[in-house]
Amino acid sequence: MQKEWTESRVGIYFEDLENEKLVRRSFNGVIQSPTDEQVTQFVQAIDVVSDLPSSHTILVEEYRYVD
C-alpha cells in the first residue's frame, strides 16, 4: 500500500471575547505540506481582514492508502 495525499486545510480559531467563546473557521484547498512560514503568513493575512483576533491554528492533512 502506498500513502497518497488527498487534501489539506487550515483551521483558525478566533477569540470572541464578547460572547466568551472560540469561533472556528476552516479554509480548504491548502497546498500539500505547507511550511510553517506559509501557514503563519496566511494566518496573518486573515487577521488583517478579521474583526476577531486569532487564538490558534491547526493544519489538517488528509491521506489515503492505495494499492
C-alpha atoms as a PDB file:
ATOM      1  CA  MET A   1       0.000   0.000   0.000  1.00  0.00           C
ATOM      2  CA  GLN A   2       1.129   3.493  -0.801  1.00  0.00           C
ATOM      3  CA  LYS A   3       0.231   6.649   1.115  1.00  0.00           C
ATOM      4  CA  GLU A   4      -1.279   9.316  -1.152  1.00  0.00           C
ATOM      5  CA  TRP A   5      -2.042  12.931  -0.176  1.00  0.00           C
ATOM      6  CA  THR A   6      -5.669  13.943  -0.795  1.00  0.00           C
ATOM      7  CA  GLU A   7      -6.085  17.425   0.705  1.00  0.00           C
ATOM      8  CA  SER A   8      -5.026  19.896   3.363  1.00  0.00           C
ATOM      9  CA  ARG A   9      -6.861  22.631   5.207  1.00  0.00           C
ATOM     10  CA  VAL A  10      -6.123  25.238   7.846  1.00  0.00           C
ATOM     11  CA  GLY A  11      -8.391  25.647  10.852  1.00  0.00           C
ATOM     12  CA  ILE A  12      -8.144  29.012  12.579  1.00  0.00           C
ATOM     13  CA  TYR A  13      -9.704  29.606  15.986  1.00  0.00           C
ATOM     14  CA  PHE A  14     -10.746  33.169  16.786  1.00  0.00           C
ATOM     15  CA  GLU A  15     -11.449  34.625  20.229  1.00  0.00           C
ATOM     16  CA  ASP A  16     -14.950  36.056  20.516  1.00  0.00           C
ATOM     17  CA  LEU A  17     -14.412  37.894  23.799  1.00  0.00           C
ATOM     18  CA  GLU A  18     -17.872  39.487  23.778  1.00  0.00           C
ATOM     19  CA  ASN A  19     -19.575  36.074  23.789  1.00  0.00           C
ATOM     20  CA  GLU A  20     -16.767  34.312  25.698  1.00  0.00           C
ATOM     21  CA  LYS A  21     -16.163  31.552  23.144  1.00  0.00           C
ATOM     22  CA  LEU A  22     -13.880  30.419  20.355  1.00  0.00           C
ATOM     23  CA  VAL A  23     -15.057  30.539  16.747  1.00  0.00           C
ATOM     24  CA  ARG A  24     -13.508  28.090  14.275  1.00  0.00           C
ATOM     25  CA  ARG A  25     -13.135  28.779  10.570  1.00  0.00           C
ATOM     26  CA  SER A  26     -11.778  26.200   8.156  1.00  0.00           C
ATOM     27  CA  PHE A  27     -10.001  27.112   4.924  1.00  0.00           C
ATOM     28  CA  ASN A  28      -9.833  24.311   2.324  1.00  0.00           C
ATOM     29  CA  GLY A  29      -7.588  23.975  -0.698  1.00  0.00           C
ATOM     30  CA  VAL A  30      -4.257  24.330   1.066  1.00  0.00           C
ATOM     31  CA  ILE A  31      -1.177  23.069  -0.772  1.00  0.00           C
ATOM     32  CA  GLN A  32       0.482  19.802   0.163  1.00  0.00           C
ATOM     33  CA  SER A  33       2.928  20.105   3.088  1.00  0.00           C
ATOM     34  CA  PRO A  34       2.938  23.898   3.561  1.00  0.00           C
ATOM     35  CA  THR A  35       5.828  25.300   5.566  1.00  0.00           C
ATOM     36  CA  ASP A  36       5.362  26.916   8.967  1.00  0.00           C
ATOM     37  CA  GLU A  37       6.178  30.267   7.374  1.00  0.00           C
ATOM     38  CA  GLN A  38       3.457  29.845   4.725  1.00  0.00           C
ATOM     39  CA  VAL A  39       0.834  28.990   7.343  1.00  0.00           C
ATOM     40  CA  THR A  40       1.947  31.910   9.528  1.00  0.00           C
ATOM     41  CA  GLN A  41       1.719  34.357   6.619  1.00  0.00           C
ATOM     42  CA  PHE A  42      -1.736  33.033   5.714  1.00  0.00           C
ATOM     43  CA  VAL A  43      -2.997  33.479   9.281  1.00  0.00           C
ATOM     44  CA  GLN A  44      -1.526  36.992   9.425  1.00  0.00           C
ATOM     45  CA  ALA A  45      -3.391  37.881   6.218  1.00  0.00           C
ATOM     46  CA  ILE A  46      -6.665  36.551   7.665  1.00  0.00           C
ATOM     47  CA  ASP A  47      -6.048  38.536  10.869  1.00  0.00           C
ATOM     48  CA  VAL A  48      -5.907  41.738   8.817  1.00  0.00           C
ATOM     49  CA  VAL A  49      -9.455  41.249   7.494  1.00  0.00           C
ATOM     50  CA  SER A  50     -10.999  39.652  10.595  1.00  0.00           C
ATOM     51  CA  ASP A  51     -12.817  41.508  13.355  1.00  0.00           C
ATOM     52  CA  LEU A  52     -11.825  38.812  15.856  1.00  0.00           C
ATOM     53  CA  PRO A  53      -8.241  38.096  16.967  1.00  0.00           C
ATOM     54  CA  SER A  54      -6.904  34.633  16.149  1.00  0.00           C
ATOM     55  CA  SER A  55      -6.169  32.343  19.068  1.00  0.00           C
ATOM     56  CA  HIS A  56      -4.526  29.312  17.479  1.00  0.00           C
ATOM     57  CA  THR A  57      -4.232  27.436  14.189  1.00  0.00           C
ATOM     58  CA  ILE A  58      -4.417  23.788  13.177  1.00  0.00           C
ATOM     59  CA  LEU A  59      -3.140  22.306   9.912  1.00  0.00           C
ATOM     60  CA  VAL A  60      -5.052  19.199   8.804  1.00  0.00           C
ATOM     61  CA  GLU A  61      -3.528  16.979   6.128  1.00  0.00           C
ATOM     62  CA  GLU A  62      -5.529  14.038   4.786  1.00  0.00           C
ATOM     63  CA  TYR A  63      -4.065  10.977   3.132  1.00  0.00           C
ATOM     64  CA  ARG A  64      -5.431   7.731   1.741  1.00  0.00           C
ATOM     65  CA  TYR A  65      -3.813   4.391   1.139  1.00  0.00           C
ATOM     66  CA  VAL A  66      -3.917   2.864  -2.334  1.00  0.00           C
ATOM     67  CA  ASP A  67      -2.761  -0.496  -3.651  1.00  0.00           C
END
